[in-house]
Amino acid sequence: MAGRAVRRISEATGRPASTLSRLVNDIEDAGLRVRAGTVIFDETSMLDTPSIYRVLVQLPAEVNLIFIGDPGQLPPIGPGLPFHMMVKAGSIPSVTLDIVHRQDDATGIPAVASAVRLGKSVALRRFDLDVALAWRLSLPSVEGGCRGKDHRSFPRHVWPCSWRR
């Protein structure tokens, strides 16, 4: 969880928040003791076994734990899949959210994402630059120059350009 996410969580909840790295540092090096309450782990699909171990051995049994994540998202870089194992364990209560709120259904993103997760093939339209240009997307003037380039040479010049409506 990046610094921006930490600030946003603190603002939304009125409670302290930190990155996992900061929490581990505060516990191991600064002597922070969590005696009761609830610790919420966000983006838990990226949490590896050694990291979660370093926190859990420091927490007493009185501390409630909530793990939030999506097993379909990025796995941890380090060893182990603790969140994925928790999701599979029938003895750990869990809730599955299945309504997409970040993208409108009209974008097609929720349908494509669902098909990919289910291992189904997805038929997508091929990108057509002429159609994109018909929507009045234009190439801005940037150093190295894109403006005035013939759209047939576009792929060669895509890196210094950005689209705008």
C-alpha atoms as a PDB file:
ATOM      1  CA  MET A   1       0.000   0.000   0.000  1.00  0.00           C
ATOM      2  CA  ALA A   2       1.547   3.266  -1.097  1.00  0.00           C
ATOM      3  CA  GLY A   3       1.699   6.453   0.947  1.00  0.00           C
ATOM      4  CA  ARG A   4      -1.261   7.909  -0.925  1.00  0.00           C
ATOM      5  CA  ALA A   5      -3.450   4.913  -0.054  1.00  0.00           C
ATOM      6  CA  VAL A   6      -2.373   5.153   3.588  1.00  0.00           C
ATOM      7  CA  ARG A   7      -3.418   8.828   3.716  1.00  0.00           C
ATOM      8  CA  ARG A   8      -6.732   8.065   2.029  1.00  0.00           C
ATOM      9  CA  ILE A   9      -7.550   5.249   4.455  1.00  0.00           C
ATOM     10  CA  SER A  10      -6.677   7.445   7.439  1.00  0.00           C
ATOM     11  CA  GLU A  11      -8.846  10.269   6.084  1.00  0.00           C
ATOM     12  CA  ALA A  12     -11.791   7.948   5.392  1.00  0.00           C
ATOM     13  CA  THR A  13     -11.682   6.105   8.716  1.00  0.00           C
ATOM     14  CA  GLY A  14     -10.265   8.687  11.086  1.00  0.00           C
ATOM     15  CA  ARG A  15      -7.926   5.941  12.301  1.00  0.00           C
ATOM     16  CA  PRO A  16      -4.190   5.450  11.879  1.00  0.00           C
ATOM     17  CA  ALA A  17      -2.985   3.493   8.858  1.00  0.00           C
ATOM     18  CA  SER A  18       0.443   2.446   7.663  1.00  0.00           C
ATOM     19  CA  THR A  19       2.194   0.333   5.111  1.00  0.00           C
ATOM     20  CA  LEU A  20       3.085  -3.194   6.141  1.00  0.00           C
ATOM     21  CA  SER A  21       6.755  -2.271   6.051  1.00  0.00           C
ATOM     22  CA  ARG A  22       6.157   0.661   8.405  1.00  0.00           C
ATOM     23  CA  LEU A  23       4.104  -1.486  10.777  1.00  0.00           C
ATOM     24  CA  VAL A  24       6.822  -4.146  10.909  1.00  0.00           C
ATOM     25  CA  ASN A  25       9.437  -1.438  11.534  1.00  0.00           C
ATOM     26  CA  ASP A  26       7.321   0.156  14.284  1.00  0.00           C
ATOM     27  CA  ILE A  27       6.838  -3.206  15.978  1.00  0.00           C
ATOM     28  CA  GLU A  28      10.361  -4.627  15.618  1.00  0.00           C
ATOM     29  CA  ASP A  29      12.476  -1.478  15.868  1.00  0.00           C
ATOM     30  CA  ALA A  30      10.394   1.182  17.628  1.00  0.00           C
ATOM     31  CA  GLY A  31       8.757  -1.088  20.190  1.00  0.00           C
ATOM     32  CA  LEU A  32       5.138  -0.515  19.148  1.00  0.00           C
ATOM     33  CA  ARG A  33       2.838  -2.940  20.922  1.00  0.00           C
ATOM     34  CA  VAL A  34      -0.607  -3.667  19.567  1.00  0.00           C
ATOM     35  CA  ARG A  35      -2.564  -5.067  22.512  1.00  0.00           C
ATOM     36  CA  ALA A  36      -6.146  -5.134  21.236  1.00  0.00           C
ATOM     37  CA  GLY A  37      -8.345  -3.896  18.435  1.00  0.00           C
ATOM     38  CA  THR A  38      -8.393  -4.772  14.784  1.00  0.00           C
ATOM     39  CA  VAL A  39      -5.625  -4.856  12.197  1.00  0.00           C
ATOM     40  CA  ILE A  40      -6.822  -4.685   8.599  1.00  0.00           C
ATOM     41  CA  PHE A  41      -4.523  -5.890   5.845  1.00  0.00           C
ATOM     42  CA  ASP A  42      -5.381  -4.466   2.415  1.00  0.00           C
ATOM     43  CA  GLU A  43      -4.140  -5.802  -0.950  1.00  0.00           C
ATOM     44  CA  THR A  44      -3.462  -9.072   0.840  1.00  0.00           C
ATOM     45  CA  SER A  45      -3.035 -11.043  -2.368  1.00  0.00           C
ATOM     46  CA  MET A  46       0.433  -9.455  -2.588  1.00  0.00           C
ATOM     47  CA  LEU A  47       1.378 -10.394   0.983  1.00  0.00           C
ATOM     48  CA  ASP A  48       4.040 -13.112   1.181  1.00  0.00           C
ATOM     49  CA  THR A  49       4.499 -15.632   4.002  1.00  0.00           C
ATOM     50  CA  PRO A  50       7.617 -14.104   5.639  1.00  0.00           C
ATOM     51  CA  SER A  51       6.005 -10.640   5.755  1.00  0.00           C
ATOM     52  CA  ILE A  52       2.792 -11.819   7.352  1.00  0.00           C
ATOM     53  CA  TYR A  53       4.759 -13.987   9.787  1.00  0.00           C
ATOM     54  CA  ARG A  54       6.805 -10.999  10.957  1.00  0.00           C
ATOM     55  CA  VAL A  55       3.593  -9.185  11.934  1.00  0.00           C
ATOM     56  CA  LEU A  56       1.531 -12.069  13.274  1.00  0.00           C
ATOM     57  CA  VAL A  57       4.166 -13.288  15.743  1.00  0.00           C
ATOM     58  CA  GLN A  58       4.048  -9.826  17.351  1.00  0.00           C
ATOM     59  CA  LEU A  59       0.249  -9.670  17.764  1.00  0.00           C
ATOM     60  CA  PRO A  60      -1.593 -11.162  20.741  1.00  0.00           C
ATOM     61  CA  ALA A  61      -4.620 -13.421  20.212  1.00  0.00           C
ATOM     62  CA  GLU A  62      -6.913 -10.570  21.326  1.00  0.00           C
ATOM     63  CA  VAL A  63      -6.225  -8.647  18.106  1.00  0.00           C
ATOM     64  CA  ASN A  64      -8.821  -9.182  15.388  1.00  0.00           C
ATOM     65  CA  LEU A  65      -7.485  -9.607  11.864  1.00  0.00           C
ATOM     66  CA  ILE A  66      -9.213  -8.702   8.605  1.00  0.00           C
ATOM     67  CA  PHE A  67      -7.596  -9.577   5.301  1.00  0.00           C
ATOM     68  CA  ILE A  68      -8.884  -7.754   2.218  1.00  0.00           C
ATOM     69  CA  GLY A  69      -7.757  -8.771  -1.216  1.00  0.00           C
ATOM     70  CA  ASP A  70      -8.510 -10.355  -4.521  1.00  0.00           C
ATOM     71  CA  PRO A  71      -6.926 -13.711  -5.347  1.00  0.00           C
ATOM     72  CA  GLY A  72      -7.253 -12.749  -9.016  1.00  0.00           C
ATOM     73  CA  GLN A  73      -4.894  -9.807  -8.545  1.00  0.00           C
ATOM     74  CA  LEU A  74      -1.109  -9.733  -8.331  1.00  0.00           C
ATOM     75  CA  PRO A  75       0.458 -12.522  -6.265  1.00  0.00           C
ATOM     76  CA  PRO A  76       3.264 -11.786  -3.794  1.00  0.00           C
ATOM     77  CA  ILE A  77       6.799 -11.354  -5.041  1.00  0.00           C
ATOM     78  CA  GLY A  78       8.183 -13.300  -2.102  1.00  0.00           C
ATOM     79  CA  PRO A  79       7.505 -16.942  -1.174  1.00  0.00           C
ATOM     80  CA  GLY A  80       4.112 -18.336  -0.276  1.00  0.00           C
ATOM     81  CA  LEU A  81       0.502 -17.548  -1.040  1.00  0.00           C
ATOM     82  CA  PRO A  82      -1.006 -17.026   2.429  1.00  0.00           C
ATOM     83  CA  PHE A  83      -4.056 -15.060   1.256  1.00  0.00           C
ATOM     84  CA  HIS A  84      -4.843 -17.551  -1.484  1.00  0.00           C
ATOM     85  CA  MET A  85      -4.657 -20.384   1.054  1.00  0.00           C
ATOM     86  CA  MET A  86      -6.981 -18.495   3.433  1.00  0.00           C
ATOM     87  CA  VAL A  87      -9.507 -18.013   0.629  1.00  0.00           C
ATOM     88  CA  LYS A  88      -9.431 -21.749  -0.149  1.00  0.00           C
ATOM     89  CA  ALA A  89      -9.761 -22.762   3.507  1.00  0.00           C
ATOM     90  CA  GLY A  90     -13.379 -23.462   4.315  1.00  0.00           C
ATOM     91  CA  SER A  91     -12.803 -22.803   8.010  1.00  0.00           C
ATOM     92  CA  ILE A  92     -12.040 -19.094   7.557  1.00  0.00           C
ATOM     93  CA  PRO A  93     -15.113 -16.910   7.036  1.00  0.00           C
ATOM     94  CA  SER A  94     -14.964 -14.939   3.808  1.00  0.00           C
ATOM     95  CA  VAL A  95     -17.079 -12.729   1.608  1.00  0.00           C
ATOM     96  CA  THR A  96     -16.836 -12.470  -2.172  1.00  0.00           C
ATOM     97  CA  LEU A  97     -17.741  -9.181  -3.792  1.00  0.00           C
ATOM     98  CA  ASP A  98     -18.929  -9.755  -7.331  1.00  0.00           C
ATOM     99  CA  ILE A  99     -20.204  -6.372  -8.485  1.00  0.00           C
ATOM    100  CA  VAL A 100     -17.725  -4.140 -10.315  1.00  0.00           C
ATOM    101  CA  HIS A 101     -18.000  -0.486  -9.304  1.00  0.00           C
ATOM    102  CA  ARG A 102     -14.858   0.978 -10.877  1.00  0.00           C
ATOM    103  CA  GLN A 103     -15.901   0.515 -14.504  1.00  0.00           C
ATOM    104  CA  ASP A 104     -19.322   0.971 -16.048  1.00  0.00           C
ATOM    105  CA  ASP A 105     -20.798  -2.109 -17.718  1.00  0.00           C
ATOM    106  CA  ALA A 106     -21.006  -0.110 -20.964  1.00  0.00           C
ATOM    107  CA  THR A 107     -17.185  -0.052 -21.185  1.00  0.00           C
ATOM    108  CA  GLY A 108     -17.141  -3.824 -21.593  1.00  0.00           C
ATOM    109  CA  ILE A 109     -14.326  -4.092 -19.040  1.00  0.00           C
ATOM    110  CA  PRO A 110     -16.355  -6.012 -16.403  1.00  0.00           C
ATOM    111  CA  ALA A 111     -17.520  -8.582 -18.979  1.00  0.00           C
ATOM    112  CA  VAL A 112     -14.017  -9.089 -20.389  1.00  0.00           C
ATOM    113  CA  ALA A 113     -12.472  -9.315 -16.901  1.00  0.00           C
ATOM    114  CA  SER A 114     -15.051 -11.894 -15.845  1.00  0.00           C
ATOM    115  CA  ALA A 115     -14.473 -13.985 -18.974  1.00  0.00           C
ATOM    116  CA  VAL A 116     -10.703 -13.919 -18.475  1.00  0.00           C
ATOM    117  CA  ARG A 117     -11.045 -15.004 -14.838  1.00  0.00           C
ATOM    118  CA  LEU A 118     -13.298 -17.888 -15.871  1.00  0.00           C
ATOM    119  CA  GLY A 119     -10.811 -18.966 -18.550  1.00  0.00           C
ATOM    120  CA  LYS A 120     -13.188 -18.186 -21.396  1.00  0.00           C
ATOM    121  CA  SER A 121     -11.935 -16.752 -24.661  1.00  0.00           C
ATOM    122  CA  VAL A 122     -12.775 -13.144 -25.340  1.00  0.00           C
ATOM    123  CA  ALA A 123     -13.617 -11.808 -28.770  1.00  0.00           C
ATOM    124  CA  LEU A 124     -12.400  -8.230 -28.963  1.00  0.00           C
ATOM    125  CA  ARG A 125     -12.636  -5.879 -31.900  1.00  0.00           C
ATOM    126  CA  ARG A 126      -9.346  -5.100 -33.543  1.00  0.00           C
ATOM    127  CA  PHE A 127      -8.094  -1.566 -32.887  1.00  0.00           C
ATOM    128  CA  ASP A 128      -8.747   0.654 -35.883  1.00  0.00           C
ATOM    129  CA  LEU A 129      -6.809   3.928 -35.940  1.00  0.00           C
ATOM    130  CA  ASP A 130      -9.207   5.407 -38.501  1.00  0.00           C
ATOM    131  CA  VAL A 131     -12.104   4.864 -36.091  1.00  0.00           C
ATOM    132  CA  ALA A 132     -10.092   6.430 -33.264  1.00  0.00           C
ATOM    133  CA  LEU A 133      -9.270   9.417 -35.455  1.00  0.00           C
ATOM    134  CA  ALA A 134     -12.937   9.720 -36.428  1.00  0.00           C
ATOM    135  CA  TRP A 135     -13.637  10.281 -32.731  1.00  0.00           C
ATOM    136  CA  ARG A 136     -11.485  13.416 -33.112  1.00  0.00           C
ATOM    137  CA  LEU A 137      -8.607  12.047 -31.114  1.00  0.00           C
ATOM    138  CA  SER A 138      -5.581  14.040 -32.049  1.00  0.00           C
ATOM    139  CA  LEU A 139      -1.883  13.767 -31.607  1.00  0.00           C
ATOM    140  CA  PRO A 140      -0.521  16.660 -29.553  1.00  0.00           C
ATOM    141  CA  SER A 141       2.556  18.569 -30.457  1.00  0.00           C
ATOM    142  CA  VAL A 142       5.407  17.150 -28.403  1.00  0.00           C
ATOM    143  CA  GLU A 143       9.152  17.278 -28.572  1.00  0.00           C
ATOM    144  CA  GLY A 144      10.192  14.901 -31.302  1.00  0.00           C
ATOM    145  CA  GLY A 145       6.959  15.787 -33.039  1.00  0.00           C
ATOM    146  CA  CYS A 146       3.841  13.792 -33.713  1.00  0.00           C
ATOM    147  CA  ARG A 147       1.648  16.438 -35.270  1.00  0.00           C
ATOM    148  CA  GLY A 148       1.570  16.246 -38.984  1.00  0.00           C
ATOM    149  CA  LYS A 149       2.637  12.602 -39.059  1.00  0.00           C
ATOM    150  CA  ASP A 150       0.642  10.485 -41.451  1.00  0.00           C
ATOM    151  CA  HIS A 151      -1.442   8.085 -39.369  1.00  0.00           C
ATOM    152  CA  ARG A 152      -0.068   5.120 -41.360  1.00  0.00           C
ATOM    153  CA  SER A 153       3.300   5.778 -39.718  1.00  0.00           C
ATOM    154  CA  PHE A 154       1.664   6.099 -36.288  1.00  0.00           C
ATOM    155  CA  PRO A 155       2.936   2.855 -34.687  1.00  0.00           C
ATOM    156  CA  ARG A 156       6.509   3.969 -35.298  1.00  0.00           C
ATOM    157  CA  HIS A 157       5.835   7.224 -33.452  1.00  0.00           C
ATOM    158  CA  VAL A 158       3.544   6.079 -30.644  1.00  0.00           C
ATOM    159  CA  TRP A 159       6.054   6.381 -27.805  1.00  0.00           C
ATOM    160  CA  PRO A 160       6.396  10.192 -27.766  1.00  0.00           C
ATOM    161  CA  CYS A 161       2.662  10.786 -28.298  1.00  0.00           C
ATOM    162  CA  SER A 162      -0.367  10.813 -26.102  1.00  0.00           C
ATOM    163  CA  TRP A 163      -4.019  10.823 -27.035  1.00  0.00           C
ATOM    164  CA  ARG A 164      -6.426  13.578 -26.146  1.00  0.00           C
ATOM    165  CA  ARG A 165      -9.983  14.327 -27.123  1.00  0.00           C
END
